[in-house]
PDB file of N, CA and C in Angstrom:
ATOM      1  N   MET A   1       3.824 -46.337  -4.834  1.00  0.00           N
ATOM      2  CA  MET A   1       5.255 -45.623  -5.390  1.00  0.00           C
ATOM      3  C   MET A   1       6.122 -46.104  -4.359  1.00  0.00           C
ATOM      4  N   ALA A   2       7.371 -46.618  -4.789  1.00  0.00           N
ATOM      5  CA  ALA A   2       8.778 -46.702  -4.023  1.00  0.00           C
ATOM      6  C   ALA A   2       9.024 -45.607  -2.990  1.00  0.00           C
ATOM      7  N   GLN A   3       9.621 -45.947  -1.968  1.00  0.00           N
ATOM      8  CA  GLN A   3       9.709 -44.943  -0.837  1.00  0.00           C
ATOM      9  C   GLN A   3      11.151 -44.422  -1.239  1.00  0.00           C
ATOM     10  N   ASN A   4      12.206 -44.783  -2.316  1.00  0.00           N
ATOM     11  CA  ASN A   4      13.172 -44.535  -2.372  1.00  0.00           C
ATOM     12  C   ASN A   4      13.285 -43.442  -3.454  1.00  0.00           C
ATOM     13  N   THR A   5      12.024 -43.093  -4.298  1.00  0.00           N
ATOM     14  CA  THR A   5      12.238 -42.041  -5.161  1.00  0.00           C
ATOM     15  C   THR A   5      12.570 -40.833  -4.730  1.00  0.00           C
ATOM     16  N   PRO A   6      12.979 -39.793  -5.634  1.00  0.00           N
ATOM     17  CA  PRO A   6      13.205 -38.428  -5.269  1.00  0.00           C
ATOM     18  C   PRO A   6      12.021 -37.681  -4.701  1.00  0.00           C
ATOM     19  N   ALA A   7      11.061 -38.108  -5.343  1.00  0.00           N
ATOM     20  CA  ALA A   7       9.634 -37.354  -5.114  1.00  0.00           C
ATOM     21  C   ALA A   7       9.056 -37.592  -3.449  1.00  0.00           C
ATOM     22  N   HIS A   8       9.665 -38.694  -3.153  1.00  0.00           N
ATOM     23  CA  HIS A   8       9.455 -39.120  -1.749  1.00  0.00           C
ATOM     24  C   HIS A   8       9.879 -37.978  -1.000  1.00  0.00           C
ATOM     25  N   LYS A   9      10.951 -37.266  -1.388  1.00  0.00           N
ATOM     26  CA  LYS A   9      11.449 -36.202  -0.319  1.00  0.00           C
ATOM     27  C   LYS A   9      10.650 -34.817  -0.527  1.00  0.00           C
ATOM     28  N   LEU A  10       9.922 -34.733  -1.086  1.00  0.00           N
ATOM     29  CA  LEU A  10       9.058 -33.486  -1.400  1.00  0.00           C
ATOM     30  C   LEU A  10       8.203 -33.133  -0.071  1.00  0.00           C
ATOM     31  N   PRO A  11       8.249 -32.359   0.172  1.00  0.00           N
ATOM     32  CA  PRO A  11       7.542 -31.898   1.291  1.00  0.00           C
ATOM     33  C   PRO A  11       6.001 -31.920   1.093  1.00  0.00           C
ATOM     34  N   PRO A  12       5.228 -32.704   1.961  1.00  0.00           N
ATOM     35  CA  PRO A  12       3.613 -32.805   1.625  1.00  0.00           C
ATOM     36  C   PRO A  12       2.882 -31.353   1.576  1.00  0.00           C
ATOM     37  N   GLU A  13       3.358 -30.547   2.383  1.00  0.00           N
ATOM     38  CA  GLU A  13       2.735 -29.434   2.214  1.00  0.00           C
ATOM     39  C   GLU A  13       2.628 -28.608   1.141  1.00  0.00           C
ATOM     40  N   ARG A  14       3.610 -28.915   0.049  1.00  0.00           N
ATOM     41  CA  ARG A  14       3.825 -28.059  -0.903  1.00  0.00           C
ATOM     42  C   ARG A  14       2.919 -28.598  -2.149  1.00  0.00           C
ATOM     43  N   PHE A  15       2.691 -27.895  -2.931  1.00  0.00           N
ATOM     44  CA  PHE A  15       1.728 -28.134  -3.753  1.00  0.00           C
ATOM     45  C   PHE A  15       2.517 -28.252  -5.277  1.00  0.00           C
ATOM     46  N   ALA A  16       3.455 -27.026  -5.237  1.00  0.00           N
ATOM     47  CA  ALA A  16       4.147 -26.331  -6.677  1.00  0.00           C
ATOM     48  C   ALA A  16       5.569 -26.047  -6.212  1.00  0.00           C
ATOM     49  N   TYR A  17       6.413 -26.141  -7.181  1.00  0.00           N
ATOM     50  CA  TYR A  17       7.668 -25.769  -6.952  1.00  0.00           C
ATOM     51  C   TYR A  17       8.050 -24.934  -8.229  1.00  0.00           C
ATOM     52  N   GLY A  18       9.162 -23.930  -8.056  1.00  0.00           N
ATOM     53  CA  GLY A  18       9.812 -23.434  -8.729  1.00  0.00           C
ATOM     54  C   GLY A  18      10.814 -24.536  -9.870  1.00  0.00           C
ATOM     55  N   VAL A  19      11.284 -23.795 -11.115  1.00  0.00           N
ATOM     56  CA  VAL A  19      12.097 -24.957 -11.968  1.00  0.00           C
ATOM     57  C   VAL A  19      13.225 -25.706 -11.167  1.00  0.00           C
ATOM     58  N   ARG A  20      13.873 -24.780 -10.473  1.00  0.00           N
ATOM     59  CA  ARG A  20      15.264 -25.104  -9.979  1.00  0.00           C
ATOM     60  C   ARG A  20      15.038 -26.053  -8.604  1.00  0.00           C
ATOM     61  N   GLU A  21      13.773 -26.000  -8.142  1.00  0.00           N
ATOM     62  CA  GLU A  21      13.346 -26.942  -7.049  1.00  0.00           C
ATOM     63  C   GLU A  21      12.726 -27.882  -7.245  1.00  0.00           C
ATOM     64  N   ALA A  22      12.380 -28.032  -8.556  1.00  0.00           N
ATOM     65  CA  ALA A  22      11.711 -29.147  -8.876  1.00  0.00           C
ATOM     66  C   ALA A  22      12.695 -30.040  -9.596  1.00  0.00           C
ATOM     67  N   ALA A  23      13.476 -29.239 -10.282  1.00  0.00           N
ATOM     68  CA  ALA A  23      14.817 -30.381 -10.800  1.00  0.00           C
ATOM     69  C   ALA A  23      15.647 -30.835  -9.496  1.00  0.00           C
ATOM     70  N   LYS A  24      15.777 -29.908  -8.536  1.00  0.00           N
ATOM     71  CA  LYS A  24      16.512 -30.784  -7.427  1.00  0.00           C
ATOM     72  C   LYS A  24      15.751 -32.054  -6.895  1.00  0.00           C
ATOM     73  N   ALA A  25      14.526 -31.603  -6.732  1.00  0.00           N
ATOM     74  CA  ALA A  25      13.693 -32.960  -5.996  1.00  0.00           C
ATOM     75  C   ALA A  25      13.584 -34.237  -7.263  1.00  0.00           C
ATOM     76  N   ILE A  26      14.067 -34.052  -8.277  1.00  0.00           N
ATOM     77  CA  ILE A  26      13.869 -34.934  -9.351  1.00  0.00           C
ATOM     78  C   ILE A  26      15.382 -35.758  -9.312  1.00  0.00           C
ATOM     79  N   GLY A  27      16.209 -34.766  -9.203  1.00  0.00           N
ATOM     80  CA  GLY A  27      17.613 -35.083  -9.086  1.00  0.00           C
ATOM     81  C   GLY A  27      18.382 -34.842 -10.603  1.00  0.00           C
ATOM     82  N   ILE A  28      17.796 -33.919 -11.051  1.00  0.00           N
ATOM     83  CA  ILE A  28      18.518 -33.350 -12.787  1.00  0.00           C
ATOM     84  C   ILE A  28      18.579 -31.884 -12.229  1.00  0.00           C
ATOM     85  N   CYS A  29      19.620 -31.269 -13.450  1.00  0.00           N
ATOM     86  CA  CYS A  29      19.768 -30.092 -13.145  1.00  0.00           C
ATOM     87  C   CYS A  29      18.862 -29.338 -13.984  1.00  0.00           C
ATOM     88  N   HIS A  30      18.793 -28.098 -13.854  1.00  0.00           N
ATOM     89  CA  HIS A  30      17.668 -27.084 -14.168  1.00  0.00           C
ATOM     90  C   HIS A  30      17.400 -27.046 -15.841  1.00  0.00           C
ATOM     91  N   VAL A  31      18.578 -27.110 -16.350  1.00  0.00           N
ATOM     92  CA  VAL A  31      18.969 -27.161 -17.975  1.00  0.00           C
ATOM     93  C   VAL A  31      18.042 -28.294 -18.500  1.00  0.00           C
ATOM     94  N   THR A  32      18.384 -29.354 -17.815  1.00  0.00           N
ATOM     95  CA  THR A  32      17.571 -30.648 -18.308  1.00  0.00           C
ATOM     96  C   THR A  32      16.138 -30.601 -17.941  1.00  0.00           C
ATOM     97  N   LEU A  33      15.808 -30.227 -17.059  1.00  0.00           N
ATOM     98  CA  LEU A  33      14.245 -30.018 -16.447  1.00  0.00           C
ATOM     99  C   LEU A  33      13.671 -28.924 -17.736  1.00  0.00           C
ATOM    100  N   TYR A  34      14.165 -27.903 -18.040  1.00  0.00           N
ATOM    101  CA  TYR A  34      13.629 -27.240 -19.157  1.00  0.00           C
ATOM    102  C   TYR A  34      13.619 -27.778 -20.355  1.00  0.00           C
ATOM    103  N   GLU A  35      14.539 -28.799 -20.660  1.00  0.00           N
ATOM    104  CA  GLU A  35      14.733 -29.798 -21.919  1.00  0.00           C
ATOM    105  C   GLU A  35      13.271 -30.501 -21.976  1.00  0.00           C
ATOM    106  N   ARG A  36      13.262 -31.293 -20.678  1.00  0.00           N
ATOM    107  CA  ARG A  36      11.914 -31.830 -20.602  1.00  0.00           C
ATOM    108  C   ARG A  36      10.432 -31.241 -20.755  1.00  0.00           C
ATOM    109  N   ILE A  37      10.553 -30.042 -20.047  1.00  0.00           N
ATOM    110  CA  ILE A  37       9.365 -29.299 -20.387  1.00  0.00           C
ATOM    111  C   ILE A  37       9.031 -28.876 -21.763  1.00  0.00           C
ATOM    112  N   ASN A  38      10.084 -28.160 -22.537  1.00  0.00           N
ATOM    113  CA  ASN A  38       9.726 -28.349 -23.562  1.00  0.00           C
ATOM    114  C   ASN A  38       9.608 -29.308 -24.593  1.00  0.00           C
ATOM    115  N   GLU A  39      10.078 -30.788 -23.933  1.00  0.00           N
ATOM    116  CA  GLU A  39       9.692 -31.579 -24.958  1.00  0.00           C
ATOM    117  C   GLU A  39       8.119 -32.428 -24.584  1.00  0.00           C
ATOM    118  N   GLY A  40       7.599 -31.733 -23.811  1.00  0.00           N
ATOM    119  CA  GLY A  40       6.450 -31.910 -23.401  1.00  0.00           C
ATOM    120  C   GLY A  40       6.086 -33.073 -22.321  1.00  0.00           C
ATOM    121  N   LEU A  41       7.148 -33.382 -21.815  1.00  0.00           N
ATOM    122  CA  LEU A  41       7.526 -34.506 -20.902  1.00  0.00           C
ATOM    123  C   LEU A  41       7.034 -34.106 -19.162  1.00  0.00           C
ATOM    124  N   ILE A  42       6.966 -32.820 -19.150  1.00  0.00           N
ATOM    125  CA  ILE A  42       6.838 -32.415 -17.779  1.00  0.00           C
ATOM    126  C   ILE A  42       5.838 -31.402 -17.941  1.00  0.00           C
ATOM    127  N   LYS A  43       4.476 -31.311 -17.332  1.00  0.00           N
ATOM    128  CA  LYS A  43       3.546 -30.445 -17.215  1.00  0.00           C
ATOM    129  C   LYS A  43       3.869 -29.251 -16.300  1.00  0.00           C
ATOM    130  N   THR A  44       3.968 -27.791 -16.805  1.00  0.00           N
ATOM    131  CA  THR A  44       4.218 -26.854 -15.980  1.00  0.00           C
ATOM    132  C   THR A  44       2.716 -25.756 -16.069  1.00  0.00           C
ATOM    133  N   PHE A  45       3.001 -24.841 -15.117  1.00  0.00           N
ATOM    134  CA  PHE A  45       2.092 -23.662 -15.222  1.00  0.00           C
ATOM    135  C   PHE A  45       2.636 -22.574 -14.669  1.00  0.00           C
ATOM    136  N   LEU A  46       2.266 -21.066 -15.159  1.00  0.00           N
ATOM    137  CA  LEU A  46       2.832 -19.761 -15.037  1.00  0.00           C
ATOM    138  C   LEU A  46       1.466 -19.279 -13.701  1.00  0.00           C
ATOM    139  N   CYS A  47       2.481 -18.830 -12.610  1.00  0.00           N
ATOM    140  CA  CYS A  47       1.738 -17.882 -11.946  1.00  0.00           C
ATOM    141  C   CYS A  47       2.601 -16.621 -11.830  1.00  0.00           C
ATOM    142  N   GLY A  48       1.696 -15.634 -12.638  1.00  0.00           N
ATOM    143  CA  GLY A  48       2.578 -14.352 -12.579  1.00  0.00           C
ATOM    144  C   GLY A  48       3.369 -14.727 -13.853  1.00  0.00           C
ATOM    145  N   ARG A  49       4.850 -14.230 -13.578  1.00  0.00           N
ATOM    146  CA  ARG A  49       5.730 -14.491 -14.684  1.00  0.00           C
ATOM    147  C   ARG A  49       6.450 -15.767 -14.063  1.00  0.00           C
ATOM    148  N   ARG A  50       6.317 -16.376 -13.199  1.00  0.00           N
ATOM    149  CA  ARG A  50       7.031 -17.688 -12.729  1.00  0.00           C
ATOM    150  C   ARG A  50       6.717 -18.820 -13.025  1.00  0.00           C
ATOM    151  N   ARG A  51       7.326 -19.753 -13.694  1.00  0.00           N
ATOM    152  CA  ARG A  51       6.957 -21.162 -14.159  1.00  0.00           C
ATOM    153  C   ARG A  51       6.950 -22.026 -13.005  1.00  0.00           C
ATOM    154  N   LEU A  52       6.011 -22.582 -12.761  1.00  0.00           N
ATOM    155  CA  LEU A  52       5.855 -23.687 -11.520  1.00  0.00           C
ATOM    156  C   LEU A  52       5.774 -25.025 -12.020  1.00  0.00           C
ATOM    157  N   VAL A  53       6.074 -26.204 -11.346  1.00  0.00           N
ATOM    158  CA  VAL A  53       5.913 -27.479 -11.456  1.00  0.00           C
ATOM    159  C   VAL A  53       5.209 -27.992 -10.496  1.00  0.00           C
ATOM    160  N   SER A  54       4.046 -28.553 -10.814  1.00  0.00           N
ATOM    161  CA  SER A  54       2.952 -29.043  -9.702  1.00  0.00           C
ATOM    162  C   SER A  54       4.029 -30.479  -9.082  1.00  0.00           C
ATOM    163  N   ARG A  55       3.503 -30.707  -7.746  1.00  0.00           N
ATOM    164  CA  ARG A  55       3.842 -32.193  -7.302  1.00  0.00           C
ATOM    165  C   ARG A  55       3.186 -33.168  -8.091  1.00  0.00           C
ATOM    166  N   SER A  56       2.204 -33.129  -8.450  1.00  0.00           N
ATOM    167  CA  SER A  56       1.626 -33.974  -9.352  1.00  0.00           C
ATOM    168  C   SER A  56       2.123 -34.451 -10.493  1.00  0.00           C
ATOM    169  N   ALA A  57       2.798 -33.514 -11.045  1.00  0.00           N
ATOM    170  CA  ALA A  57       3.734 -33.110 -12.477  1.00  0.00           C
ATOM    171  C   ALA A  57       4.903 -34.128 -12.187  1.00  0.00           C
ATOM    172  N   ILE A  58       5.599 -33.621 -10.836  1.00  0.00           N
ATOM    173  CA  ILE A  58       7.064 -34.331 -10.856  1.00  0.00           C
ATOM    174  C   ILE A  58       6.749 -36.087 -10.592  1.00  0.00           C
ATOM    175  N   LEU A  59       5.576 -36.080  -9.839  1.00  0.00           N
ATOM    176  CA  LEU A  59       5.492 -37.499  -9.475  1.00  0.00           C
ATOM    177  C   LEU A  59       5.053 -38.571 -10.998  1.00  0.00           C
ATOM    178  N   GLU A  60       4.144 -37.761 -11.664  1.00  0.00           N
ATOM    179  CA  GLU A  60       3.771 -38.314 -13.097  1.00  0.00           C
ATOM    180  C   GLU A  60       4.948 -38.673 -13.950  1.00  0.00           C
ATOM    181  N   TYR A  61       5.982 -37.382 -14.011  1.00  0.00           N
ATOM    182  CA  TYR A  61       7.079 -37.724 -15.070  1.00  0.00           C
ATOM    183  C   TYR A  61       8.079 -38.720 -14.374  1.00  0.00           C
ATOM    184  N   ILE A  62       7.954 -39.010 -13.099  1.00  0.00           N
ATOM    185  CA  ILE A  62       8.677 -40.052 -12.351  1.00  0.00           C
ATOM    186  C   ILE A  62       8.318 -41.310 -12.999  1.00  0.00           C
ATOM    187  N   GLU A  63       7.031 -41.490 -12.551  1.00  0.00           N
ATOM    188  CA  GLU A  63       6.394 -42.805 -12.810  1.00  0.00           C
ATOM    189  C   GLU A  63       6.719 -42.969 -14.136  1.00  0.00           C
ATOM    190  N   GLN A  64       6.256 -42.006 -15.345  1.00  0.00           N
ATOM    191  CA  GLN A  64       6.723 -42.323 -16.791  1.00  0.00           C
ATOM    192  C   GLN A  64       8.359 -42.885 -16.852  1.00  0.00           C
ATOM    193  N   GLN A  65       9.262 -42.579 -16.162  1.00  0.00           N
ATOM    194  CA  GLN A  65      10.401 -42.837 -16.471  1.00  0.00           C
ATOM    195  C   GLN A  65      10.718 -44.179 -15.756  1.00  0.00           C
ATOM    196  N   GLU A  66      10.068 -44.474 -14.696  1.00  0.00           N
ATOM    197  CA  GLU A  66      10.055 -45.829 -14.442  1.00  0.00           C
ATOM    198  C   GLU A  66       9.637 -46.870 -15.133  1.00  0.00           C
ATOM    199  N   ARG A  67       8.379 -46.447 -15.753  1.00  0.00           N
ATOM    200  CA  ARG A  67       7.556 -47.500 -16.887  1.00  0.00           C
ATOM    201  C   ARG A  67       8.320 -47.422 -18.132  1.00  0.00           C
ATOM    202  N   GLY A  68       9.519 -46.507 -18.357  1.00  0.00           N
ATOM    203  CA  GLY A  68      10.379 -46.545 -19.556  1.00  0.00           C
ATOM    204  C   GLY A  68       9.548 -45.840 -20.473  1.00  0.00           C
ATOM    205  N   ALA A  69       9.003 -44.724 -20.529  1.00  0.00           N
ATOM    206  CA  ALA A  69       8.419 -43.956 -21.389  1.00  0.00           C
ATOM    207  C   ALA A  69       9.126 -43.393 -22.563  1.00  0.00           C
ATOM    208  N   ASP A  70      10.528 -43.325 -22.327  1.00  0.00           N
ATOM    209  CA  ASP A  70      11.385 -42.729 -23.195  1.00  0.00           C
ATOM    210  C   ASP A  70      12.159 -44.133 -24.091  1.00  0.00           C
ATOM    211  N   GLY A  71      11.592 -45.028 -23.626  1.00  0.00           N
ATOM    212  CA  GLY A  71      12.275 -45.984 -24.364  1.00  0.00           C
ATOM    213  C   GLY A  71      13.324 -46.906 -23.562  1.00  0.00           C
ATOM    214  N   PRO A  72      14.133 -47.967 -23.953  1.00  0.00           N
ATOM    215  CA  PRO A  72      15.211 -48.575 -23.121  1.00  0.00           C
ATOM    216  C   PRO A  72      16.434 -47.771 -23.200  1.00  0.00           C
ATOM    217  N   ARG A  73      17.123 -47.757 -21.955  1.00  0.00           N
ATOM    218  CA  ARG A  73      18.629 -47.281 -22.080  1.00  0.00           C
ATOM    219  C   ARG A  73      19.501 -47.995 -21.828  1.00  0.00           C
TER     220      ARG A  73
END
């Protein structure tokens, strides 16, 4: 993976992030992240009532975007 991706800035000791933290790490607003979650593009899980995004789900989403999973823009 390229060293300049937003995921590179994620602290290695964290395995999951709240939605706002994950959105910030990706470089999008939390509303856009919720849209991507609802579209099934980003996997999440619940811990109690809190929705979390795993580090691996963030990396997977970024890799999909790099491959052009949504088609050309």
